[in-house]
Amino acid sequence: MERIMSTLCIVFMVLFSILQEGCSQTQPDEKKKKGVGKEGGGGGDPHFMLRIDSLDFPVCFDIDAREGDVIRMLKDPISGITINGGIVGSNKKKADGSSKTFIGELFLQTRNVEIHIKPDDITFNGASLAWNEEHVFEMNNIKINFNGNGHHGNTMYIELGNDVSMEIRRLMKEDSGLNVNYLNMNIDKETGISDKAEGILGQFVHKRTTLKKISIDKQGRKRGHFREIENGHKTHFKAILHQLPDVITGEMVWCWNVHRRTEGLLDGHLSEYFASDITSA
């Protein structure tokens, strides 16, 4: 009997080890580290993805928006940078029957420049630019490079000249199967953004996010328990490790998906992140 029990124990330990290895391949491990915003962007319906410094996987979440809404992505009174996103509807439906929405236009404003970006046209201080520009465009210390990363002629890279840069990708309806053209954007360098920044993306520049622990829910998914600290104020939120498309490359990546509730993740109420007009400063 002792020999049988010993053999069963060995078999159980081997099986447990195999299961652990399989789970780690399905849902990668996240380390418990601390960090502030590193880069972040939005796209899809609209879906936001934030790469937090020292977290192995980004934090991602959705915002419920309707056609005609304008979302305040970033507003920094120190650097003078404002980024707004205008929302358009589509023929794709959500689970509740309402239309899925996307970012149909972006308005970027600095102290002396206004850039209005749509999938079909771009204006820089009133002058027209085209998505198929072959040369780097430079004016007022701002540099715009089209097709910089080879996404089939559908990307632009903007350097604001003050340690802030962003990438914008357009997705055309003939490629997406939708009835609308739309944009995805990512702020990939935010060194020049101050700790006074606000907006869906701006607030994460100065927040400190900590992954406190990881638990397993009833469906076998990894659930992260996070804490945010800003000016000594602490909040908490939960997220599930999930695979979603990167807002620029479209590749499936692991991220901590805060689906359903954003309390504890975002400052204030969601209504505070909507602007009255696309050009609103």
C-alpha atoms as a PDB file:
ATOM      1  CA  MET A   1       0.000   0.000   0.000  1.00  0.00           C
ATOM      2  CA  GLU A   2       2.790   2.484   0.889  1.00  0.00           C
ATOM      3  CA  ARG A   3       4.472   1.750  -2.455  1.00  0.00           C
ATOM      4  CA  ILE A   4       1.175   2.414  -4.311  1.00  0.00           C
ATOM      5  CA  MET A   5       0.595   5.662  -2.403  1.00  0.00           C
ATOM      6  CA  SER A   6       4.161   6.786  -3.141  1.00  0.00           C
ATOM      7  CA  THR A   7       3.682   6.066  -6.847  1.00  0.00           C
ATOM      8  CA  LEU A   8       0.368   7.960  -6.877  1.00  0.00           C
ATOM      9  CA  CYS A   9       2.022  10.954  -5.200  1.00  0.00           C
ATOM     10  CA  ILE A  10       4.764  11.005  -7.830  1.00  0.00           C
ATOM     11  CA  VAL A  11       2.195  10.789 -10.648  1.00  0.00           C
ATOM     12  CA  PHE A  12       0.147  13.605  -9.072  1.00  0.00           C
ATOM     13  CA  MET A  13       3.233  15.831  -8.748  1.00  0.00           C
ATOM     14  CA  VAL A  14       4.185  15.239 -12.381  1.00  0.00           C
ATOM     15  CA  LEU A  15       0.651  15.999 -13.571  1.00  0.00           C
ATOM     16  CA  PHE A  16       0.526  19.133 -11.415  1.00  0.00           C
ATOM     17  CA  SER A  17       3.821  20.305 -12.881  1.00  0.00           C
ATOM     18  CA  ILE A  18       2.539  19.742 -16.430  1.00  0.00           C
ATOM     19  CA  LEU A  19      -0.673  21.632 -15.680  1.00  0.00           C
ATOM     20  CA  GLN A  20       1.287  24.527 -14.228  1.00  0.00           C
ATOM     21  CA  GLU A  21       3.496  24.695 -17.302  1.00  0.00           C
ATOM     22  CA  GLY A  22       0.457  24.593 -19.586  1.00  0.00           C
ATOM     23  CA  CYS A  23      -1.255  27.403 -17.689  1.00  0.00           C
ATOM     24  CA  SER A  24       1.835  29.578 -17.827  1.00  0.00           C
ATOM     25  CA  GLN A  25       1.941  29.151 -21.594  1.00  0.00           C
ATOM     26  CA  THR A  26      -1.751  30.097 -21.881  1.00  0.00           C
ATOM     27  CA  GLN A  27      -1.624  33.008 -19.458  1.00  0.00           C
ATOM     28  CA  PRO A  28       1.869  34.432 -18.910  1.00  0.00           C
ATOM     29  CA  ASP A  29       2.937  35.446 -15.440  1.00  0.00           C
ATOM     30  CA  GLU A  30       2.960  39.085 -14.404  1.00  0.00           C
ATOM     31  CA  LYS A  31       5.483  40.288 -11.880  1.00  0.00           C
ATOM     32  CA  LYS A  32       4.523  42.455  -8.927  1.00  0.00           C
ATOM     33  CA  LYS A  33       6.216  45.747  -9.745  1.00  0.00           C
ATOM     34  CA  LYS A  34       5.503  49.430  -9.464  1.00  0.00           C
ATOM     35  CA  GLY A  35       5.378  51.949 -12.266  1.00  0.00           C
ATOM     36  CA  VAL A  36       3.860  55.006 -13.907  1.00  0.00           C
ATOM     37  CA  GLY A  37       2.610  55.483 -17.448  1.00  0.00           C
ATOM     38  CA  LYS A  38       5.096  54.686 -20.185  1.00  0.00           C
ATOM     39  CA  GLU A  39       2.952  54.971 -23.305  1.00  0.00           C
ATOM     40  CA  GLY A  40      -0.683  54.610 -24.176  1.00  0.00           C
ATOM     41  CA  GLY A  41      -3.162  54.798 -27.010  1.00  0.00           C
ATOM     42  CA  GLY A  42      -6.697  54.207 -28.136  1.00  0.00           C
ATOM     43  CA  GLY A  43      -8.608  52.776 -31.044  1.00  0.00           C
ATOM     44  CA  GLY A  44     -11.309  50.320 -31.886  1.00  0.00           C
ATOM     45  CA  ASP A  45     -14.666  50.915 -30.272  1.00  0.00           C
ATOM     46  CA  PRO A  46     -13.005  52.867 -28.534  1.00  0.00           C
ATOM     47  CA  HIS A  47     -10.505  50.662 -26.743  1.00  0.00           C
ATOM     48  CA  PHE A  48      -7.559  51.993 -24.759  1.00  0.00           C
ATOM     49  CA  MET A  49      -4.252  50.281 -24.048  1.00  0.00           C
ATOM     50  CA  LEU A  50      -1.741  51.652 -21.524  1.00  0.00           C
ATOM     51  CA  ARG A  51       1.787  50.383 -21.175  1.00  0.00           C
ATOM     52  CA  ILE A  52       2.637  51.052 -17.558  1.00  0.00           C
ATOM     53  CA  ASP A  53       6.328  51.278 -16.722  1.00  0.00           C
ATOM     54  CA  SER A  54       7.561  48.085 -15.025  1.00  0.00           C
ATOM     55  CA  LEU A  55       4.367  46.084 -15.717  1.00  0.00           C
ATOM     56  CA  ASP A  56       4.988  43.184 -18.069  1.00  0.00           C
ATOM     57  CA  PHE A  57       1.571  43.560 -19.715  1.00  0.00           C
ATOM     58  CA  PRO A  58      -0.402  46.696 -20.584  1.00  0.00           C
ATOM     59  CA  VAL A  59      -3.645  47.720 -18.910  1.00  0.00           C
ATOM     60  CA  CYS A  60      -6.577  47.966 -21.317  1.00  0.00           C
ATOM     61  CA  PHE A  61     -10.181  49.091 -21.052  1.00  0.00           C
ATOM     62  CA  ASP A  62     -13.153  50.271 -23.133  1.00  0.00           C
ATOM     63  CA  ILE A  63     -15.088  53.525 -22.986  1.00  0.00           C
ATOM     64  CA  ASP A  64     -18.803  53.598 -23.790  1.00  0.00           C
ATOM     65  CA  ALA A  65     -19.169  56.370 -26.376  1.00  0.00           C
ATOM     66  CA  ARG A  66     -21.827  57.355 -28.897  1.00  0.00           C
ATOM     67  CA  GLU A  67     -21.597  58.765 -32.384  1.00  0.00           C
ATOM     68  CA  GLY A  68     -20.840  62.482 -32.203  1.00  0.00           C
ATOM     69  CA  ASP A  69     -19.091  62.308 -28.821  1.00  0.00           C
ATOM     70  CA  VAL A  70     -15.660  63.874 -28.390  1.00  0.00           C
ATOM     71  CA  ILE A  71     -13.254  62.192 -25.962  1.00  0.00           C
ATOM     72  CA  ARG A  72     -10.516  64.160 -24.230  1.00  0.00           C
ATOM     73  CA  MET A  73      -7.427  62.002 -24.718  1.00  0.00           C
ATOM     74  CA  LEU A  74      -4.904  64.454 -23.289  1.00  0.00           C
ATOM     75  CA  LYS A  75      -4.883  67.979 -21.903  1.00  0.00           C
ATOM     76  CA  ASP A  76      -1.651  69.320 -20.446  1.00  0.00           C
ATOM     77  CA  PRO A  77      -1.728  72.970 -19.320  1.00  0.00           C
ATOM     78  CA  ILE A  78       2.071  73.051 -18.860  1.00  0.00           C
ATOM     79  CA  SER A  79       3.220  71.770 -22.263  1.00  0.00           C
ATOM     80  CA  GLY A  80       0.126  73.207 -23.954  1.00  0.00           C
ATOM     81  CA  ILE A  81      -0.733  69.924 -25.695  1.00  0.00           C
ATOM     82  CA  THR A  82      -4.358  68.869 -26.194  1.00  0.00           C
ATOM     83  CA  ILE A  83      -5.546  65.761 -28.057  1.00  0.00           C
ATOM     84  CA  ASN A  84      -9.253  65.123 -28.717  1.00  0.00           C
ATOM     85  CA  GLY A  85     -10.881  62.174 -30.463  1.00  0.00           C
ATOM     86  CA  GLY A  86     -14.170  62.403 -32.352  1.00  0.00           C
ATOM     87  CA  ILE A  87     -16.430  59.334 -32.341  1.00  0.00           C
ATOM     88  CA  VAL A  88     -18.241  57.861 -35.368  1.00  0.00           C
ATOM     89  CA  GLY A  89     -20.787  55.044 -35.538  1.00  0.00           C
ATOM     90  CA  SER A  90     -20.631  51.874 -37.615  1.00  0.00           C
ATOM     91  CA  ASN A  91     -22.764  49.041 -38.955  1.00  0.00           C
ATOM     92  CA  LYS A  92     -21.304  46.654 -36.384  1.00  0.00           C
ATOM     93  CA  LYS A  93     -23.464  45.906 -33.358  1.00  0.00           C
ATOM     94  CA  LYS A  94     -22.630  45.377 -29.697  1.00  0.00           C
ATOM     95  CA  ALA A  95     -24.164  42.618 -27.598  1.00  0.00           C
ATOM     96  CA  ASP A  96     -26.902  45.021 -26.445  1.00  0.00           C
ATOM     97  CA  GLY A  97     -27.852  45.871 -30.041  1.00  0.00           C
ATOM     98  CA  SER A  98     -26.338  49.363 -30.099  1.00  0.00           C
ATOM     99  CA  SER A  99     -23.874  50.371 -32.817  1.00  0.00           C
ATOM    100  CA  LYS A 100     -20.167  49.997 -32.189  1.00  0.00           C
ATOM    101  CA  THR A 101     -18.292  53.279 -32.326  1.00  0.00           C
ATOM    102  CA  PHE A 102     -14.773  54.197 -33.403  1.00  0.00           C
ATOM    103  CA  ILE A 103     -12.401  57.163 -33.376  1.00  0.00           C
ATOM    104  CA  GLY A 104     -13.205  58.907 -36.643  1.00  0.00           C
ATOM    105  CA  GLU A 105     -10.974  61.969 -36.251  1.00  0.00           C
ATOM    106  CA  LEU A 106      -8.225  63.377 -34.033  1.00  0.00           C
ATOM    107  CA  PHE A 107      -7.469  66.989 -33.200  1.00  0.00           C
ATOM    108  CA  LEU A 108      -4.006  67.793 -31.859  1.00  0.00           C
ATOM    109  CA  GLN A 109      -3.238  71.260 -30.564  1.00  0.00           C
ATOM    110  CA  THR A 110      -0.058  72.840 -29.213  1.00  0.00           C
ATOM    111  CA  ARG A 111       0.625  76.498 -28.396  1.00  0.00           C
ATOM    112  CA  ASN A 112       1.151  77.412 -32.062  1.00  0.00           C
ATOM    113  CA  VAL A 113      -0.079  74.437 -34.096  1.00  0.00           C
ATOM    114  CA  GLU A 114      -3.403  72.758 -34.858  1.00  0.00           C
ATOM    115  CA  ILE A 115      -3.426  69.398 -36.636  1.00  0.00           C
ATOM    116  CA  HIS A 116      -6.785  67.921 -37.662  1.00  0.00           C
ATOM    117  CA  ILE A 117      -6.454  64.284 -38.715  1.00  0.00           C
ATOM    118  CA  LYS A 118      -9.095  62.252 -40.523  1.00  0.00           C
ATOM    119  CA  PRO A 119      -8.757  58.985 -42.453  1.00  0.00           C
ATOM    120  CA  ASP A 120      -9.264  60.875 -45.720  1.00  0.00           C
ATOM    121  CA  ASP A 121      -7.385  64.121 -45.113  1.00  0.00           C
ATOM    122  CA  ILE A 122      -5.056  65.993 -42.767  1.00  0.00           C
ATOM    123  CA  THR A 123      -4.782  69.722 -42.131  1.00  0.00           C
ATOM    124  CA  PHE A 124      -1.810  71.419 -40.481  1.00  0.00           C
ATOM    125  CA  ASN A 125      -2.648  74.997 -39.458  1.00  0.00           C
ATOM    126  CA  GLY A 126      -5.151  75.009 -42.327  1.00  0.00           C
ATOM    127  CA  ALA A 127      -2.728  73.602 -44.937  1.00  0.00           C
ATOM    128  CA  SER A 128      -3.593  70.227 -46.481  1.00  0.00           C
ATOM    129  CA  LEU A 129      -1.427  67.122 -46.161  1.00  0.00           C
ATOM    130  CA  ALA A 130      -1.944  63.685 -47.686  1.00  0.00           C
ATOM    131  CA  TRP A 131      -1.524  60.227 -46.183  1.00  0.00           C
ATOM    132  CA  ASN A 132       0.683  59.237 -49.109  1.00  0.00           C
ATOM    133  CA  GLU A 133       3.233  62.021 -48.565  1.00  0.00           C
ATOM    134  CA  GLU A 134       6.666  60.619 -49.446  1.00  0.00           C
ATOM    135  CA  HIS A 135       8.785  63.215 -47.670  1.00  0.00           C
ATOM    136  CA  VAL A 136       9.094  64.194 -44.029  1.00  0.00           C
ATOM    137  CA  PHE A 137       7.018  67.288 -43.283  1.00  0.00           C
ATOM    138  CA  GLU A 138       8.568  69.797 -40.856  1.00  0.00           C
ATOM    139  CA  MET A 139       7.148  73.066 -39.552  1.00  0.00           C
ATOM    140  CA  ASN A 140       7.110  74.971 -36.235  1.00  0.00           C
ATOM    141  CA  ASN A 141       9.432  72.436 -34.622  1.00  0.00           C
ATOM    142  CA  ILE A 142       7.039  69.604 -35.476  1.00  0.00           C
ATOM    143  CA  LYS A 143       7.999  66.693 -37.704  1.00  0.00           C
ATOM    144  CA  ILE A 144       5.517  64.380 -39.457  1.00  0.00           C
ATOM    145  CA  ASN A 145       6.699  61.191 -41.120  1.00  0.00           C
ATOM    146  CA  PHE A 146       4.222  59.145 -43.158  1.00  0.00           C
ATOM    147  CA  ASN A 147       4.428  55.373 -43.591  1.00  0.00           C
ATOM    148  CA  GLY A 148       7.231  55.318 -41.024  1.00  0.00           C
ATOM    149  CA  ASN A 149       6.719  51.738 -39.896  1.00  0.00           C
ATOM    150  CA  GLY A 150       5.500  50.137 -43.102  1.00  0.00           C
ATOM    151  CA  HIS A 151       1.823  49.596 -42.232  1.00  0.00           C
ATOM    152  CA  HIS A 152       0.780  49.596 -45.904  1.00  0.00           C
ATOM    153  CA  GLY A 153       0.857  53.374 -46.265  1.00  0.00           C
ATOM    154  CA  ASN A 154      -1.673  53.908 -43.516  1.00  0.00           C
ATOM    155  CA  THR A 155       0.386  55.310 -40.658  1.00  0.00           C
ATOM    156  CA  MET A 156       1.838  58.653 -39.644  1.00  0.00           C
ATOM    157  CA  TYR A 157       4.356  59.458 -36.941  1.00  0.00           C
ATOM    158  CA  ILE A 158       4.301  62.890 -35.274  1.00  0.00           C
ATOM    159  CA  GLU A 159       7.188  64.312 -33.258  1.00  0.00           C
ATOM    160  CA  LEU A 160       6.178  67.429 -31.335  1.00  0.00           C
ATOM    161  CA  GLY A 161       9.740  68.544 -30.664  1.00  0.00           C
ATOM    162  CA  ASN A 162       9.384  68.545 -26.883  1.00  0.00           C
ATOM    163  CA  ASP A 163       9.912  64.876 -26.017  1.00  0.00           C
ATOM    164  CA  VAL A 164       6.385  63.921 -27.035  1.00  0.00           C
ATOM    165  CA  SER A 165       5.622  61.755 -30.055  1.00  0.00           C
ATOM    166  CA  MET A 166       2.697  59.713 -31.284  1.00  0.00           C
ATOM    167  CA  GLU A 167       1.780  57.249 -33.977  1.00  0.00           C
ATOM    168  CA  ILE A 168      -1.555  57.212 -35.801  1.00  0.00           C
ATOM    169  CA  ARG A 169      -2.889  54.413 -37.953  1.00  0.00           C
ATOM    170  CA  ARG A 170      -5.888  54.714 -40.229  1.00  0.00           C
ATOM    171  CA  LEU A 171      -8.108  51.723 -40.957  1.00  0.00           C
ATOM    172  CA  MET A 172     -10.128  51.955 -44.140  1.00  0.00           C
ATOM    173  CA  LYS A 173     -13.549  50.381 -44.580  1.00  0.00           C
ATOM    174  CA  GLU A 174     -12.493  48.323 -47.600  1.00  0.00           C
ATOM    175  CA  ASP A 175      -9.999  46.538 -45.342  1.00  0.00           C
ATOM    176  CA  SER A 176     -12.020  46.336 -42.126  1.00  0.00           C
ATOM    177  CA  GLY A 177     -15.399  45.197 -43.424  1.00  0.00           C
ATOM    178  CA  LEU A 178     -17.089  48.135 -41.680  1.00  0.00           C
ATOM    179  CA  ASN A 179     -18.949  51.034 -43.256  1.00  0.00           C
ATOM    180  CA  VAL A 180     -16.641  53.646 -41.708  1.00  0.00           C
ATOM    181  CA  ASN A 181     -12.996  54.625 -41.858  1.00  0.00           C
ATOM    182  CA  TYR A 182     -11.413  55.191 -38.472  1.00  0.00           C
ATOM    183  CA  LEU A 183      -8.182  55.908 -36.608  1.00  0.00           C
ATOM    184  CA  ASN A 184      -6.092  54.312 -33.894  1.00  0.00           C
ATOM    185  CA  MET A 185      -3.464  56.318 -32.027  1.00  0.00           C
ATOM    186  CA  ASN A 186      -0.656  55.710 -29.574  1.00  0.00           C
ATOM    187  CA  ILE A 187       1.472  58.171 -27.592  1.00  0.00           C
ATOM    188  CA  ASP A 188       4.774  56.300 -27.588  1.00  0.00           C
ATOM    189  CA  LYS A 189       6.913  59.018 -25.987  1.00  0.00           C
ATOM    190  CA  GLU A 190       5.508  61.116 -23.168  1.00  0.00           C
ATOM    191  CA  THR A 191       8.625  62.520 -21.474  1.00  0.00           C
ATOM    192  CA  GLY A 192       7.534  66.084 -22.246  1.00  0.00           C
ATOM    193  CA  ILE A 193       4.065  65.682 -20.716  1.00  0.00           C
ATOM    194  CA  SER A 194       3.817  67.234 -17.251  1.00  0.00           C
ATOM    195  CA  ASP A 195       2.381  65.808 -14.038  1.00  0.00           C
ATOM    196  CA  LYS A 196      -0.545  68.230 -14.444  1.00  0.00           C
ATOM    197  CA  ALA A 197      -1.836  66.362 -17.494  1.00  0.00           C
ATOM    198  CA  GLU A 198      -5.453  65.222 -17.604  1.00  0.00           C
ATOM    199  CA  GLY A 199      -7.591  63.141 -19.947  1.00  0.00           C
ATOM    200  CA  ILE A 200      -8.110  59.450 -20.575  1.00  0.00           C
ATOM    201  CA  LEU A 201      -4.400  59.001 -21.359  1.00  0.00           C
ATOM    202  CA  GLY A 202      -2.859  62.064 -19.729  1.00  0.00           C
ATOM    203  CA  GLN A 203      -3.674  61.105 -16.146  1.00  0.00           C
ATOM    204  CA  PHE A 204      -1.538  57.969 -16.297  1.00  0.00           C
ATOM    205  CA  VAL A 205       1.672  59.909 -16.891  1.00  0.00           C
ATOM    206  CA  HIS A 206       1.928  60.684 -13.177  1.00  0.00           C
ATOM    207  CA  LYS A 207      -0.076  57.901 -11.517  1.00  0.00           C
ATOM    208  CA  ARG A 208       1.766  55.080  -9.793  1.00  0.00           C
ATOM    209  CA  THR A 209       0.224  51.681 -10.429  1.00  0.00           C
ATOM    210  CA  THR A 210       1.060  48.577  -8.404  1.00  0.00           C
ATOM    211  CA  LEU A 211       0.045  44.985  -9.069  1.00  0.00           C
ATOM    212  CA  LYS A 212      -0.653  43.754  -5.545  1.00  0.00           C
ATOM    213  CA  LYS A 213      -1.611  40.139  -6.203  1.00  0.00           C
ATOM    214  CA  ILE A 214      -2.907  37.683  -8.783  1.00  0.00           C
ATOM    215  CA  SER A 215      -5.809  35.311  -8.144  1.00  0.00           C
ATOM    216  CA  ILE A 216      -7.606  32.734 -10.295  1.00  0.00           C
ATOM    217  CA  ASP A 217     -11.332  33.170 -10.945  1.00  0.00           C
ATOM    218  CA  LYS A 218     -13.943  30.417 -11.436  1.00  0.00           C
ATOM    219  CA  GLN A 219     -13.245  30.309 -15.189  1.00  0.00           C
ATOM    220  CA  GLY A 220      -9.534  29.679 -14.554  1.00  0.00           C
ATOM    221  CA  ARG A 221      -8.512  33.165 -15.670  1.00  0.00           C
ATOM    222  CA  LYS A 222      -5.859  35.247 -13.942  1.00  0.00           C
ATOM    223  CA  ARG A 223      -7.293  38.244 -12.136  1.00  0.00           C
ATOM    224  CA  GLY A 224      -4.954  41.079 -11.220  1.00  0.00           C
ATOM    225  CA  HIS A 225      -5.594  43.225  -8.148  1.00  0.00           C
ATOM    226  CA  PHE A 226      -4.116  46.701  -8.668  1.00  0.00           C
ATOM    227  CA  ARG A 227      -3.576  49.791  -6.578  1.00  0.00           C
ATOM    228  CA  GLU A 228      -3.096  53.337  -7.872  1.00  0.00           C
ATOM    229  CA  ILE A 229      -1.526  56.164  -5.911  1.00  0.00           C
ATOM    230  CA  GLU A 230      -1.831  59.801  -6.957  1.00  0.00           C
ATOM    231  CA  ASN A 231      -0.967  62.683  -4.626  1.00  0.00           C
ATOM    232  CA  GLY A 232      -1.208  60.305  -1.691  1.00  0.00           C
ATOM    233  CA  HIS A 233      -4.728  59.160  -2.683  1.00  0.00           C
ATOM    234  CA  LYS A 234      -5.141  55.405  -3.139  1.00  0.00           C
ATOM    235  CA  THR A 235      -7.666  53.601  -5.337  1.00  0.00           C
ATOM    236  CA  HIS A 236      -8.043  49.974  -6.414  1.00  0.00           C
ATOM    237  CA  PHE A 237      -9.219  48.164  -9.521  1.00  0.00           C
ATOM    238  CA  LYS A 238      -9.296  44.616 -10.866  1.00  0.00           C
ATOM    239  CA  ALA A 239      -8.501  43.278 -14.335  1.00  0.00           C
ATOM    240  CA  ILE A 240      -8.410  39.929 -16.115  1.00  0.00           C
ATOM    241  CA  LEU A 241      -5.416  38.813 -18.177  1.00  0.00           C
ATOM    242  CA  HIS A 242      -6.741  38.611 -21.697  1.00  0.00           C
ATOM    243  CA  GLN A 243      -5.603  38.811 -25.325  1.00  0.00           C
ATOM    244  CA  LEU A 244      -6.626  41.840 -27.381  1.00  0.00           C
ATOM    245  CA  PRO A 245      -5.253  43.507 -30.549  1.00  0.00           C
ATOM    246  CA  ASP A 246      -2.556  46.163 -30.218  1.00  0.00           C
ATOM    247  CA  VAL A 247      -3.986  49.534 -31.270  1.00  0.00           C
ATOM    248  CA  ILE A 248      -1.250  50.178 -33.855  1.00  0.00           C
ATOM    249  CA  THR A 249       0.093  46.841 -35.074  1.00  0.00           C
ATOM    250  CA  GLY A 250      -3.166  44.906 -34.745  1.00  0.00           C
ATOM    251  CA  GLU A 251      -1.253  41.955 -33.305  1.00  0.00           C
ATOM    252  CA  MET A 252      -2.855  40.047 -30.434  1.00  0.00           C
ATOM    253  CA  VAL A 253      -1.133  40.875 -27.140  1.00  0.00           C
ATOM    254  CA  TRP A 254      -1.726  39.958 -23.516  1.00  0.00           C
ATOM    255  CA  CYS A 255      -3.156  42.776 -21.417  1.00  0.00           C
ATOM    256  CA  TRP A 256      -4.897  43.340 -18.099  1.00  0.00           C
ATOM    257  CA  ASN A 257      -8.442  43.951 -19.332  1.00  0.00           C
ATOM    258  CA  VAL A 258     -10.536  46.141 -17.033  1.00  0.00           C
ATOM    259  CA  HIS A 259     -13.869  45.208 -18.563  1.00  0.00           C
ATOM    260  CA  ARG A 260     -17.121  46.448 -17.024  1.00  0.00           C
ATOM    261  CA  ARG A 261     -16.084  48.915 -14.310  1.00  0.00           C
ATOM    262  CA  THR A 262     -13.399  51.597 -14.527  1.00  0.00           C
ATOM    263  CA  GLU A 263     -13.886  52.964 -11.007  1.00  0.00           C
ATOM    264  CA  GLY A 264     -10.512  53.054  -9.304  1.00  0.00           C
ATOM    265  CA  LEU A 265      -8.761  53.144 -12.665  1.00  0.00           C
ATOM    266  CA  LEU A 266      -9.907  56.531 -13.997  1.00  0.00           C
ATOM    267  CA  ASP A 267     -10.176  59.762 -12.035  1.00  0.00           C
ATOM    268  CA  GLY A 268     -13.676  61.064 -11.492  1.00  0.00           C
ATOM    269  CA  HIS A 269     -16.731  60.239 -13.588  1.00  0.00           C
ATOM    270  CA  LEU A 270     -16.622  59.191 -17.245  1.00  0.00           C
ATOM    271  CA  SER A 271     -18.656  62.245 -18.229  1.00  0.00           C
ATOM    272  CA  GLU A 272     -15.654  64.423 -17.304  1.00  0.00           C
ATOM    273  CA  TYR A 273     -13.682  62.986 -20.241  1.00  0.00           C
ATOM    274  CA  PHE A 274     -16.032  64.233 -22.932  1.00  0.00           C
ATOM    275  CA  ALA A 275     -15.428  67.595 -24.624  1.00  0.00           C
ATOM    276  CA  SER A 276     -18.058  69.791 -26.254  1.00  0.00           C
ATOM    277  CA  ASP A 277     -16.286  70.056 -29.608  1.00  0.00           C
ATOM    278  CA  ILE A 278     -13.431  68.383 -31.479  1.00  0.00           C
ATOM    279  CA  THR A 279     -11.429  71.650 -31.397  1.00  0.00           C
ATOM    280  CA  SER A 280     -12.168  72.330 -27.729  1.00  0.00           C
ATOM    281  CA  ALA A 281      -8.981  73.350 -25.883  1.00  0.00           C
END
